[in-house]
C-alpha atoms as a PDB file:
ATOM      1  CA  MET A   1     115.739 121.671 101.459  1.00  0.00           C
ATOM      2  CA  SER A   2     115.971 119.474 105.020  1.00  0.00           C
ATOM      3  CA  ILE A   3     113.808 118.069 107.616  1.00  0.00           C
ATOM      4  CA  PRO A   4     114.678 117.698 111.256  1.00  0.00           C
ATOM      5  CA  ALA A   5     117.152 114.613 111.813  1.00  0.00           C
ATOM      6  CA  ASN A   6     114.779 113.318 114.657  1.00  0.00           C
ATOM      7  CA  THR A   7     111.558 113.532 112.357  1.00  0.00           C
ATOM      8  CA  ARG A   8     109.980 110.132 112.580  1.00  0.00           C
ATOM      9  CA  ILE A   9     106.523 108.154 111.590  1.00  0.00           C
ATOM     10  CA  GLY A  10     103.798 108.435 114.603  1.00  0.00           C
ATOM     11  CA  ARG A  11     100.711 106.358 114.807  1.00  0.00           C
ATOM     12  CA  VAL A  12      99.009 104.639 111.768  1.00  0.00           C
ATOM     13  CA  ARG A  13      95.420 104.529 111.463  1.00  0.00           C
ATOM     14  CA  LEU A  14      93.595 101.539 110.117  1.00  0.00           C
ATOM     15  CA  ARG A  15      89.931 100.443 109.180  1.00  0.00           C
ATOM     16  CA  VAL A  16      89.261  96.914 110.600  1.00  0.00           C
ATOM     17  CA  ARG A  17      85.840  94.884 110.495  1.00  0.00           C
ATOM     18  CA  ASP A  18      85.441  94.072 114.039  1.00  0.00           C
ATOM     19  CA  VAL A  19      87.329  96.231 116.429  1.00  0.00           C
ATOM     20  CA  GLU A  20      86.693  93.550 119.469  1.00  0.00           C
ATOM     21  CA  ARG A  21      88.390  91.016 117.335  1.00  0.00           C
ATOM     22  CA  SER A  22      91.115  93.444 116.268  1.00  0.00           C
ATOM     23  CA  LEU A  23      91.567  94.098 120.252  1.00  0.00           C
ATOM     24  CA  GLY A  24      92.171  90.264 120.939  1.00  0.00           C
ATOM     25  CA  PHE A  25      94.834  90.646 118.800  1.00  0.00           C
ATOM     26  CA  TYR A  26      96.689  94.105 119.580  1.00  0.00           C
ATOM     27  CA  ARG A  27      95.834  93.937 123.360  1.00  0.00           C
ATOM     28  CA  GLY A  28      95.722  90.571 124.183  1.00  0.00           C
ATOM     29  CA  LEU A  29      98.448  88.894 121.789  1.00  0.00           C
ATOM     30  CA  LEU A  30     100.784  91.867 121.537  1.00  0.00           C
ATOM     31  CA  GLY A  31     100.288  93.694 124.689  1.00  0.00           C
ATOM     32  CA  LEU A  32      99.324  97.189 123.536  1.00  0.00           C
ATOM     33  CA  GLU A  33      97.240  99.409 126.142  1.00  0.00           C
ATOM     34  CA  ALA A  34      93.851 100.605 124.406  1.00  0.00           C
ATOM     35  CA  THR A  35      92.468 104.092 124.942  1.00  0.00           C
ATOM     36  CA  ALA A  36      89.255 105.682 123.424  1.00  0.00           C
ATOM     37  CA  ALA A  37      90.156 108.097 120.577  1.00  0.00           C
ATOM     38  CA  ASP A  38      87.852 109.989 118.110  1.00  0.00           C
ATOM     39  CA  GLY A  39      85.847 107.745 116.109  1.00  0.00           C
ATOM     40  CA  GLY A  40      87.828 104.561 117.424  1.00  0.00           C
ATOM     41  CA  LEU A  41      90.611 103.030 119.939  1.00  0.00           C
ATOM     42  CA  ALA A  42      94.045 104.227 120.111  1.00  0.00           C
ATOM     43  CA  LEU A  43      97.091 101.603 121.135  1.00  0.00           C
ATOM     44  CA  SER A  44      99.903 102.425 122.752  1.00  0.00           C
ATOM     45  CA  ALA A  45     103.089 100.531 124.069  1.00  0.00           C
ATOM     46  CA  PRO A  46     103.176 100.179 127.953  1.00  0.00           C
ATOM     47  CA  GLY A  47     103.570 104.056 129.207  1.00  0.00           C
ATOM     48  CA  GLY A  48     104.409 105.322 125.806  1.00  0.00           C
ATOM     49  CA  ALA A  49     103.503 106.767 122.381  1.00  0.00           C
ATOM     50  CA  GLU A  50     100.538 105.864 120.391  1.00  0.00           C
ATOM     51  CA  VAL A  51     101.001 102.873 117.997  1.00  0.00           C
ATOM     52  CA  VAL A  52      98.130 102.325 116.036  1.00  0.00           C
ATOM     53  CA  GLU A  53      94.567 103.600 115.835  1.00  0.00           C
ATOM     54  CA  LEU A  54      91.463 101.408 114.889  1.00  0.00           C
ATOM     55  CA  GLU A  55      88.337 102.589 113.239  1.00  0.00           C
ATOM     56  CA  GLU A  56      85.564 100.082 112.884  1.00  0.00           C
ATOM     57  CA  ARG A  57      83.396  99.365 109.863  1.00  0.00           C
ATOM     58  CA  ALA A  58      81.372  96.253 109.977  1.00  0.00           C
ATOM     59  CA  ASP A  59      80.696  95.783 106.111  1.00  0.00           C
ATOM     60  CA  ALA A  60      84.459  97.089 105.148  1.00  0.00           C
ATOM     61  CA  MET A  61      85.521  94.429 102.323  1.00  0.00           C
ATOM     62  CA  ALA A  62      89.185  93.120 101.751  1.00  0.00           C
ATOM     63  CA  LYS A  63      91.752  95.028 100.376  1.00  0.00           C
ATOM     64  CA  PRO A  64      92.061  93.970  96.667  1.00  0.00           C
ATOM     65  CA  ARG A  65      95.823  92.932  96.281  1.00  0.00           C
ATOM     66  CA  ALA A  66      96.327  94.828  93.083  1.00  0.00           C
ATOM     67  CA  THR A  67      95.838  98.370  94.742  1.00  0.00           C
ATOM     68  CA  THR A  68      98.106 100.976  96.349  1.00  0.00           C
ATOM     69  CA  GLY A  69      98.007 101.612 100.136  1.00  0.00           C
ATOM     70  CA  LEU A  70      99.717  99.671 103.080  1.00  0.00           C
ATOM     71  CA  TYR A  71     102.195  97.072 102.083  1.00  0.00           C
ATOM     72  CA  HIS A  72     103.374  97.008 105.942  1.00  0.00           C
ATOM     73  CA  PHE A  73     103.436  99.419 109.108  1.00  0.00           C
ATOM     74  CA  ALA A  74     106.688  98.410 111.012  1.00  0.00           C
ATOM     75  CA  ILE A  75     106.768  98.463 115.031  1.00  0.00           C
ATOM     76  CA  LEU A  76     110.362  98.990 116.208  1.00  0.00           C
ATOM     77  CA  VAL A  77     110.998  97.251 119.600  1.00  0.00           C
ATOM     78  CA  PRO A  78     114.254  98.506 121.705  1.00  0.00           C
ATOM     79  CA  ASP A  79     116.305  95.529 121.137  1.00  0.00           C
ATOM     80  CA  ARG A  80     117.088  92.017 120.288  1.00  0.00           C
ATOM     81  CA  ARG A  81     115.889  90.630 123.415  1.00  0.00           C
ATOM     82  CA  ALA A  82     112.547  92.184 123.117  1.00  0.00           C
ATOM     83  CA  LEU A  83     112.179  90.892 119.499  1.00  0.00           C
ATOM     84  CA  ALA A  84     112.700  87.336 120.874  1.00  0.00           C
ATOM     85  CA  ALA A  85     110.443  87.807 123.440  1.00  0.00           C
ATOM     86  CA  VAL A  86     107.464  89.007 120.856  1.00  0.00           C
ATOM     87  CA  TYR A  87     108.471  86.039 118.723  1.00  0.00           C
ATOM     88  CA  LEU A  88     108.166  83.328 121.495  1.00  0.00           C
ATOM     89  CA  ARG A  89     104.738  85.019 122.569  1.00  0.00           C
ATOM     90  CA  LEU A  90     103.244  84.813 118.789  1.00  0.00           C
ATOM     91  CA  GLN A  91     104.564  81.441 118.328  1.00  0.00           C
ATOM     92  CA  GLY A  92     103.300  80.250 121.688  1.00  0.00           C
ATOM     93  CA  ALA A  93      99.979  81.521 120.768  1.00  0.00           C
ATOM     94  CA  GLY A  94     100.254  79.895 117.105  1.00  0.00           C
ATOM     95  CA  TRP A  95      99.659  82.951 115.314  1.00  0.00           C
ATOM     96  CA  PRO A  96     100.825  82.671 111.740  1.00  0.00           C
ATOM     97  CA  PHE A  97     104.068  84.541 110.628  1.00  0.00           C
ATOM     98  CA  GLU A  98     104.267  85.696 106.909  1.00  0.00           C
ATOM     99  CA  GLY A  99     108.392  85.506 107.188  1.00  0.00           C
ATOM    100  CA  PHE A 100     111.560  86.219 108.979  1.00  0.00           C
ATOM    101  CA  ALA A 101     114.190  88.293 107.488  1.00  0.00           C
ATOM    102  CA  ASP A 102     117.640  89.482 108.243  1.00  0.00           C
ATOM    103  CA  HIS A 103     117.921  93.157 106.682  1.00  0.00           C
ATOM    104  CA  LEU A 104     121.680  93.524 107.950  1.00  0.00           C
ATOM    105  CA  VAL A 105     120.332  96.854 109.639  1.00  0.00           C
ATOM    106  CA  SER A 106     117.832  95.336 111.503  1.00  0.00           C
ATOM    107  CA  GLU A 107     116.131  91.754 111.974  1.00  0.00           C
ATOM    108  CA  ALA A 108     112.487  91.299 111.460  1.00  0.00           C
ATOM    109  CA  LEU A 109     109.256  89.451 111.627  1.00  0.00           C
ATOM    110  CA  TYR A 110     106.512  89.574 109.201  1.00  0.00           C
ATOM    111  CA  LEU A 111     102.717  88.722 110.104  1.00  0.00           C
ATOM    112  CA  ALA A 112      99.522  90.344 109.550  1.00  0.00           C
ATOM    113  CA  ASP A 113      96.549  91.250 111.699  1.00  0.00           C
ATOM    114  CA  PRO A 114      92.981  89.647 111.661  1.00  0.00           C
ATOM    115  CA  ASP A 115      92.083  91.772 108.578  1.00  0.00           C
ATOM    116  CA  GLY A 116      95.253  91.278 106.828  1.00  0.00           C
ATOM    117  CA  ASN A 117      96.837  94.333 107.434  1.00  0.00           C
ATOM    118  CA  GLY A 118     100.374  93.753 106.991  1.00  0.00           C
ATOM    119  CA  ILE A 119     102.759  94.220 110.022  1.00  0.00           C
ATOM    120  CA  GLU A 120     106.599  94.079 110.564  1.00  0.00           C
ATOM    121  CA  ILE A 121     108.025  93.694 113.841  1.00  0.00           C
ATOM    122  CA  TYR A 122     111.753  94.549 114.129  1.00  0.00           C
ATOM    123  CA  ALA A 123     114.807  95.500 116.229  1.00  0.00           C
ATOM    124  CA  ASP A 124     117.538  97.633 114.679  1.00  0.00           C
ATOM    125  CA  ARG A 125     121.154  96.430 114.862  1.00  0.00           C
ATOM    126  CA  PRO A 126     123.540  99.284 116.297  1.00  0.00           C
ATOM    127  CA  ARG A 127     123.829 102.172 113.747  1.00  0.00           C
ATOM    128  CA  GLU A 128     127.821 101.827 113.782  1.00  0.00           C
ATOM    129  CA  LEU A 129     127.285  98.378 112.264  1.00  0.00           C
ATOM    130  CA  TRP A 130     125.141  99.659 109.341  1.00  0.00           C
ATOM    131  CA  GLN A 131     127.015  99.529 105.938  1.00  0.00           C
ATOM    132  CA  HIS A 132     127.140 102.040 103.279  1.00  0.00           C
ATOM    133  CA  LEU A 133     127.861 101.291  99.788  1.00  0.00           C
ATOM    134  CA  HIS A 134     127.739 103.932  96.711  1.00  0.00           C
ATOM    135  CA  GLY A 135     126.031 106.105  98.982  1.00  0.00           C
ATOM    136  CA  GLU A 136     123.446 103.997  99.976  1.00  0.00           C
ATOM    137  CA  VAL A 137     122.617 102.090 103.308  1.00  0.00           C
ATOM    138  CA  ARG A 138     123.146  98.527 102.328  1.00  0.00           C
ATOM    139  CA  MET A 139     119.932  96.274 103.194  1.00  0.00           C
ATOM    140  CA  THR A 140     118.948  92.828 102.193  1.00  0.00           C
ATOM    141  CA  THR A 141     116.503  89.953 102.811  1.00  0.00           C
ATOM    142  CA  ALA A 142     118.292  87.092 104.109  1.00  0.00           C
ATOM    143  CA  PRO A 143     117.467  84.403 106.615  1.00  0.00           C
ATOM    144  CA  LEU A 144     116.794  85.290 109.931  1.00  0.00           C
ATOM    145  CA  ASP A 145     118.788  83.224 112.774  1.00  0.00           C
ATOM    146  CA  LEU A 146     115.894  82.379 114.582  1.00  0.00           C
ATOM    147  CA  ASP A 147     117.748  80.104 117.044  1.00  0.00           C
ATOM    148  CA  GLY A 148     120.215  82.756 117.872  1.00  0.00           C
ATOM    149  CA  LEU A 149     117.227  84.966 118.233  1.00  0.00           C
ATOM    150  CA  VAL A 150     115.564  82.932 120.734  1.00  0.00           C
ATOM    151  CA  SER A 151     119.045  82.292 122.568  1.00  0.00           C
ATOM    152  CA  GLU A 152     118.698  86.066 123.882  1.00  0.00           C
ATOM    153  CA  LEU A 153     116.284  84.886 126.386  1.00  0.00           C
ATOM    154  CA  SER A 154     116.332  82.958 129.575  1.00  0.00           C
ATOM    155  CA  GLY A 155     113.464  82.590 132.067  1.00  0.00           C
ATOM    156  CA  PRO A 156     109.622  84.140 131.929  1.00  0.00           C
ATOM    157  CA  ASP A 157     110.523  86.680 129.091  1.00  0.00           C
ATOM    158  CA  GLY A 158     108.610  84.701 126.362  1.00  0.00           C
ATOM    159  CA  ALA A 159     105.608  85.858 127.814  1.00  0.00           C
ATOM    160  CA  ALA A 160     105.929  89.547 127.394  1.00  0.00           C
ATOM    161  CA  GLY A 161     104.270  91.790 124.613  1.00  0.00           C
ATOM    162  CA  LEU A 162     105.460  94.613 123.201  1.00  0.00           C
ATOM    163  CA  PRO A 163     107.518  96.427 125.999  1.00  0.00           C
ATOM    164  CA  ALA A 164     107.956 100.060 126.943  1.00  0.00           C
ATOM    165  CA  GLY A 165     109.702 102.195 124.017  1.00  0.00           C
ATOM    166  CA  THR A 166     108.014 100.277 121.423  1.00  0.00           C
ATOM    167  CA  VAL A 167     107.328 102.751 118.239  1.00  0.00           C
ATOM    168  CA  ILE A 168     106.440 102.799 114.708  1.00  0.00           C
ATOM    169  CA  GLY A 169     109.759 102.713 112.884  1.00  0.00           C
ATOM    170  CA  HIS A 170     108.485 102.924 109.569  1.00  0.00           C
ATOM    171  CA  ILE A 171     105.722 102.721 106.899  1.00  0.00           C
ATOM    172  CA  HIS A 172     106.122 100.545 103.578  1.00  0.00           C
ATOM    173  CA  LEU A 173     103.673 101.451 101.127  1.00  0.00           C
ATOM    174  CA  HIS A 174     102.160 100.152  97.665  1.00  0.00           C
ATOM    175  CA  VAL A 175     102.386 103.180  95.420  1.00  0.00           C
ATOM    176  CA  ALA A 176     101.224 103.607  91.605  1.00  0.00           C
ATOM    177  CA  ASN A 177     104.616 105.554  90.348  1.00  0.00           C
ATOM    178  CA  LEU A 178     107.773 105.405  92.025  1.00  0.00           C
ATOM    179  CA  GLY A 179     109.179 108.557  90.502  1.00  0.00           C
ATOM    180  CA  ARG A 180     105.730 110.541  91.463  1.00  0.00           C
ATOM    181  CA  ALA A 181     105.997 109.069  95.070  1.00  0.00           C
ATOM    182  CA  GLU A 182     109.559 109.932  95.152  1.00  0.00           C
ATOM    183  CA  ALA A 183     108.778 113.692  94.334  1.00  0.00           C
ATOM    184  CA  PHE A 184     105.991 113.647  97.136  1.00  0.00           C
ATOM    185  CA  TYR A 185     107.729 112.237  99.898  1.00  0.00           C
ATOM    186  CA  GLY A 186     111.327 113.589  98.993  1.00  0.00           C
ATOM    187  CA  ASP A 187     110.773 116.972  97.240  1.00  0.00           C
ATOM    188  CA  VAL A 188     107.414 118.147  99.251  1.00  0.00           C
ATOM    189  CA  LEU A 189     107.858 116.266 102.607  1.00  0.00           C
ATOM    190  CA  GLY A 190     112.092 116.327 102.604  1.00  0.00           C
ATOM    191  CA  PHE A 191     112.672 112.803 103.064  1.00  0.00           C
ATOM    192  CA  GLU A 192     116.126 111.529 101.200  1.00  0.00           C
ATOM    193  CA  ALA A 193     116.464 108.213  99.327  1.00  0.00           C
ATOM    194  CA  THR A 194     118.440 105.843 100.942  1.00  0.00           C
ATOM    195  CA  ALA A 195     118.553 102.656  98.926  1.00  0.00           C
ATOM    196  CA  ARG A 196     117.314 102.024  95.112  1.00  0.00           C
ATOM    197  CA  SER A 197     118.825  98.546  94.846  1.00  0.00           C
ATOM    198  CA  TYR A 198     115.589  96.586  95.582  1.00  0.00           C
ATOM    199  CA  PRO A 199     113.767  95.981  92.154  1.00  0.00           C
ATOM    200  CA  GLY A 200     110.324  98.209  92.185  1.00  0.00           C
ATOM    201  CA  ALA A 201     111.180  99.670  95.432  1.00  0.00           C
ATOM    202  CA  LEU A 202     112.820 102.888  96.870  1.00  0.00           C
ATOM    203  CA  PHE A 203     113.520 103.568 100.783  1.00  0.00           C
ATOM    204  CA  MET A 204     113.450 107.151 102.162  1.00  0.00           C
ATOM    205  CA  SER A 205     114.251 108.947 105.636  1.00  0.00           C
ATOM    206  CA  ALA A 206     115.512 111.571 107.886  1.00  0.00           C
ATOM    207  CA  GLY A 207     118.669 111.930 109.783  1.00  0.00           C
ATOM    208  CA  GLY A 208     120.293 109.175 108.097  1.00  0.00           C
ATOM    209  CA  TYR A 209     118.166 106.117 109.380  1.00  0.00           C
ATOM    210  CA  HIS A 210     117.969 103.313 107.159  1.00  0.00           C
ATOM    211  CA  HIS A 211     114.542 103.985 106.107  1.00  0.00           C
ATOM    212  CA  HIS A 212     111.224 105.765 107.584  1.00  0.00           C
ATOM    213  CA  ILE A 213     109.326 105.259 104.360  1.00  0.00           C
ATOM    214  CA  GLY A 214     109.299 102.428 102.080  1.00  0.00           C
ATOM    215  CA  LEU A 215     107.540 102.703  98.507  1.00  0.00           C
ATOM    216  CA  ASN A 216     107.256 100.128  95.932  1.00  0.00           C
ATOM    217  CA  VAL A 217     105.229  99.270  92.745  1.00  0.00           C
ATOM    218  CA  TRP A 218     104.712  95.432  93.632  1.00  0.00           C
ATOM    219  CA  ALA A 219     101.006  95.845  93.175  1.00  0.00           C
ATOM    220  CA  GLY A 220     101.592  96.869  89.512  1.00  0.00           C
ATOM    221  CA  ALA A 221     102.607  99.851  88.246  1.00  0.00           C
ATOM    222  CA  GLY A 222      99.669 102.562  87.898  1.00  0.00           C
ATOM    223  CA  ALA A 223      97.846 100.279  90.525  1.00  0.00           C
ATOM    224  CA  PRO A 224      94.429 102.270  91.896  1.00  0.00           C
ATOM    225  CA  PRO A 225      93.722 103.297  95.297  1.00  0.00           C
ATOM    226  CA  PRO A 226      91.479 100.524  97.212  1.00  0.00           C
ATOM    227  CA  PRO A 227      87.822 101.115  97.127  1.00  0.00           C
ATOM    228  CA  GLU A 228      86.650 103.480  99.626  1.00  0.00           C
ATOM    229  CA  ASN A 229      84.992 100.859 102.154  1.00  0.00           C
ATOM    230  CA  ALA A 230      87.994  98.617 102.122  1.00  0.00           C
ATOM    231  CA  VAL A 231      89.868  97.634 105.304  1.00  0.00           C
ATOM    232  CA  GLY A 232      93.510  98.819 105.463  1.00  0.00           C
ATOM    233  CA  LEU A 233      95.545 102.292 106.128  1.00  0.00           C
ATOM    234  CA  LEU A 234      93.607 105.324 106.312  1.00  0.00           C
ATOM    235  CA  ASP A 235      96.339 107.676 107.473  1.00  0.00           C
ATOM    236  CA  PHE A 236      99.346 107.894 109.062  1.00  0.00           C
ATOM    237  CA  THR A 237     101.599 110.603 111.023  1.00  0.00           C
ATOM    238  CA  ILE A 238     104.722 112.250 110.703  1.00  0.00           C
ATOM    239  CA  VAL A 239     106.106 113.997 113.509  1.00  0.00           C
ATOM    240  CA  VAL A 240     108.247 117.100 112.843  1.00  0.00           C
ATOM    241  CA  SER A 241     109.804 118.860 115.990  1.00  0.00           C
ATOM    242  CA  ASP A 242     110.489 122.091 114.313  1.00  0.00           C
ATOM    243  CA  ALA A 243     107.589 124.658 113.297  1.00  0.00           C
ATOM    244  CA  GLU A 244     109.528 126.167 110.593  1.00  0.00           C
ATOM    245  CA  ALA A 245     110.125 122.733 108.905  1.00  0.00           C
ATOM    246  CA  ARG A 246     106.463 122.230 109.213  1.00  0.00           C
ATOM    247  CA  ALA A 247     105.486 125.345 107.640  1.00  0.00           C
ATOM    248  CA  ALA A 248     107.988 124.779 104.877  1.00  0.00           C
ATOM    249  CA  MET A 249     106.296 121.268 104.240  1.00  0.00           C
ATOM    250  CA  VAL A 250     103.233 123.145 103.694  1.00  0.00           C
ATOM    251  CA  GLU A 251     104.173 125.574 101.405  1.00  0.00           C
ATOM    252  CA  ARG A 252     106.005 123.241  99.135  1.00  0.00           C
ATOM    253  CA  ALA A 253     102.600 120.894  99.239  1.00  0.00           C
ATOM    254  CA  ARG A 254     100.591 123.936  98.264  1.00  0.00           C
ATOM    255  CA  ARG A 255     103.162 124.647  95.428  1.00  0.00           C
ATOM    256  CA  ASP A 256     102.917 121.406  94.118  1.00  0.00           C
ATOM    257  CA  ASP A 257      99.007 121.600  93.901  1.00  0.00           C
ATOM    258  CA  ARG A 258      98.583 118.728  96.837  1.00  0.00           C
ATOM    259  CA  PRO A 259      95.475 119.109  98.853  1.00  0.00           C
ATOM    260  CA  VAL A 260      96.315 120.646 102.293  1.00  0.00           C
ATOM    261  CA  GLN A 261      93.886 121.054 105.445  1.00  0.00           C
ATOM    262  CA  GLU A 262      95.305 122.460 108.527  1.00  0.00           C
ATOM    263  CA  GLU A 263      93.707 121.730 112.015  1.00  0.00           C
ATOM    264  CA  GLY A 264      95.841 123.430 114.849  1.00  0.00           C
ATOM    265  CA  VAL A 265      98.887 121.551 115.058  1.00  0.00           C
ATOM    266  CA  VAL A 266      98.061 119.151 112.557  1.00  0.00           C
ATOM    267  CA  VAL A 267      98.302 119.368 108.602  1.00  0.00           C
ATOM    268  CA  ARG A 268      96.634 116.942 106.344  1.00  0.00           C
ATOM    269  CA  ILE A 269      98.284 116.743 102.934  1.00  0.00           C
ATOM    270  CA  VAL A 270      97.019 114.193 100.407  1.00  0.00           C
ATOM    271  CA  SER A 271      99.590 112.159  98.578  1.00  0.00           C
ATOM    272  CA  PRO A 272      99.547 111.466  94.570  1.00  0.00           C
ATOM    273  CA  ASP A 273      97.991 108.462  95.394  1.00  0.00           C
ATOM    274  CA  GLY A 274      95.089 109.593  97.549  1.00  0.00           C
ATOM    275  CA  LEU A 275      96.549 108.666 100.795  1.00  0.00           C
ATOM    276  CA  PRO A 276      96.083 111.235 103.657  1.00  0.00           C
ATOM    277  CA  VAL A 277      99.480 111.835 105.424  1.00  0.00           C
ATOM    278  CA  LEU A 278      99.091 114.178 108.964  1.00  0.00           C
ATOM    279  CA  ILE A 279     102.139 116.336 109.769  1.00  0.00           C
ATOM    280  CA  THR A 280     102.292 117.098 113.503  1.00  0.00           C
ATOM    281  CA  ALA A 281     104.340 118.777 116.212  1.00  0.00           C
ATOM    282  CA  GLY A 282     106.530 116.300 118.250  1.00  0.00           C
END
């Protein structure tokens, strides 16, 4: 079983309390471009692919901590210089960061949107610099060299928002059971494990990428799904270029008794944690 090496994560769809407040963050601060979408607003990098879709529910509650669902979605910028520009833009606006990290394969900023949805903004190091040990991609969480990052810039770049070429790089989820989640994202969807060395976590990818899917039980083993009216992740998209590979995913999902709904070229498969995953052409 394999999936195309160019398989990637597409857009994420979020529930928010106030779409205008969220637009102030995603469009006004990050610099994404907004367009109308069914039931909400779509936000894309300048001239590029859709990154986030927002759906408003004014009475939505905060996502309880000890529940499955979104840990963070990760926005991948084209290079280190772009990451430095985003850092300076956020810092200049006084937006709070939740952390910074050097993961060996990448450098990352961590923050949250106005509803507390976790976000990582990161730039990859060149793939030829990634290290492997015992069949795993080596990743760690070390301090980020912010001075070195900022030194990438000179001139007005610090005012720039997310640039053209920005995409969703990966998604990281709280799950109730790692083994069950690995069986779904691996045996059913076809991603391969790339790293198991983080306690309580597992990372999976297509095509040898460091990870497209992160899974963890840090919200507690057996954690329940969030309430139906909570803010947070509603679904996310996996873009699969090959029609036969998409059909094989559907066949495996049905054999696994996963709920499957086909709507044209989009297939909706529900994970063991109740999270819909959309498979689409690309």
